[in-house]
Amino acid sequence: MIAPATASAITAEVARTCDAAAAKAFPPKQVGNPAAGSSKGSAKERRDYFNKCVANNGKVDDAPADAPQDSKAKN
């Protein structure tokens, strides 16, 4: 008999933290308020952001996507 593979479930706290981080990175639009929310990011990008947060146990890198990955200042 083969033992079943176990998957680690995320905690509610991590899920809430990641949901809040995703909402901050990709603010939801509000009906009737065209100035509220963001049109940036597809559903896949939002899902990937959430999944990355969960994989990192609730910690995400909030650097803007267009910012250079190299932290060294160029002179």
Protein backbone atom coordinates (compact mmCIF):
# COMPACT_ATOMS: atom_id res chain seq x y z
CA MET A 1 0.00 0.00 0.00
CA ILE A 2 1.28 3.46 -0.90
CA ALA A 3 0.91 6.28 1.58
CA PRO A 4 -1.09 9.24 0.21
CA ALA A 5 0.83 12.40 -0.57
CA THR A 6 0.12 15.14 1.93
CA ALA A 7 -0.39 18.73 0.93
CA SER A 8 0.20 21.51 3.37
CA ALA A 9 -2.83 23.72 3.78
CA ILE A 10 -2.43 27.44 4.18
CA THR A 11 -3.59 29.02 7.39
CA ALA A 12 -6.45 31.48 7.50
CA GLU A 13 -4.05 34.15 8.74
CA VAL A 14 -1.73 33.72 5.75
CA ALA A 15 -4.70 33.73 3.37
CA ARG A 16 -6.03 36.97 4.90
CA THR A 17 -2.59 38.60 4.78
CA CYS A 18 -2.10 37.62 1.14
CA ASP A 19 -5.63 38.69 0.20
CA ALA A 20 -4.99 42.11 1.73
CA ALA A 21 -1.62 42.39 -0.03
CA ALA A 22 -3.19 41.44 -3.36
CA ALA A 23 -5.97 44.00 -2.86
CA LYS A 24 -3.35 46.65 -2.13
CA ALA A 25 -1.26 45.72 -5.18
CA PHE A 26 -4.32 45.37 -7.43
CA PRO A 27 -7.07 47.58 -5.94
CA PRO A 28 -10.56 46.43 -6.90
CA LYS A 29 -12.69 48.72 -9.04
CA GLN A 30 -15.77 50.30 -7.51
CA VAL A 31 -19.00 50.56 -9.45
CA GLY A 32 -19.91 54.20 -10.04
CA ASN A 33 -16.47 55.54 -9.10
CA PRO A 34 -14.14 55.54 -12.12
CA ALA A 35 -11.29 56.98 -10.04
CA ALA A 36 -11.30 54.08 -7.59
CA GLY A 37 -9.39 50.90 -8.20
CA SER A 38 -6.88 49.85 -10.74
CA SER A 39 -7.08 48.44 -14.21
CA LYS A 40 -3.55 47.08 -14.01
CA GLY A 41 -2.95 43.39 -13.80
CA SER A 42 -4.86 40.53 -15.33
CA ALA A 43 -6.63 37.89 -13.29
CA LYS A 44 -3.66 35.56 -13.86
CA GLU A 45 -1.24 38.20 -12.53
CA ARG A 46 -3.39 38.71 -9.46
CA ARG A 47 -3.57 34.94 -8.86
CA ASP A 48 0.18 34.59 -9.33
CA TYR A 49 0.76 37.42 -6.83
CA PHE A 50 -1.49 35.73 -4.27
CA ASN A 51 0.13 32.33 -4.82
CA LYS A 52 3.63 33.85 -4.49
CA CYS A 53 2.55 35.43 -1.21
CA VAL A 54 1.20 32.11 0.08
CA ALA A 55 4.37 30.31 -1.00
CA ASN A 56 6.40 32.87 0.99
CA ASN A 57 4.19 32.41 4.07
CA GLY A 58 2.51 35.81 3.78
CA LYS A 59 5.52 37.85 2.74
CA VAL A 60 5.68 39.54 -0.66
CA ASP A 61 8.11 41.81 -2.40
CA ASP A 62 6.14 44.99 -3.04
CA ALA A 63 8.65 46.49 -5.48
CA PRO A 64 6.90 47.93 -8.53
CA ALA A 65 6.97 45.69 -11.58
CA ASP A 66 8.72 48.34 -13.67
CA ALA A 67 11.47 48.89 -11.08
CA PRO A 68 14.84 47.35 -11.92
CA GLN A 69 15.55 44.10 -10.10
CA ASP A 70 19.17 45.12 -9.48
CA SER A 71 19.35 47.17 -6.26
CA LYS A 72 22.73 48.70 -7.14
CA ALA A 73 22.63 52.36 -8.08
CA LYS A 74 24.02 53.13 -11.48
CA ASN A 75 26.38 56.10 -11.62
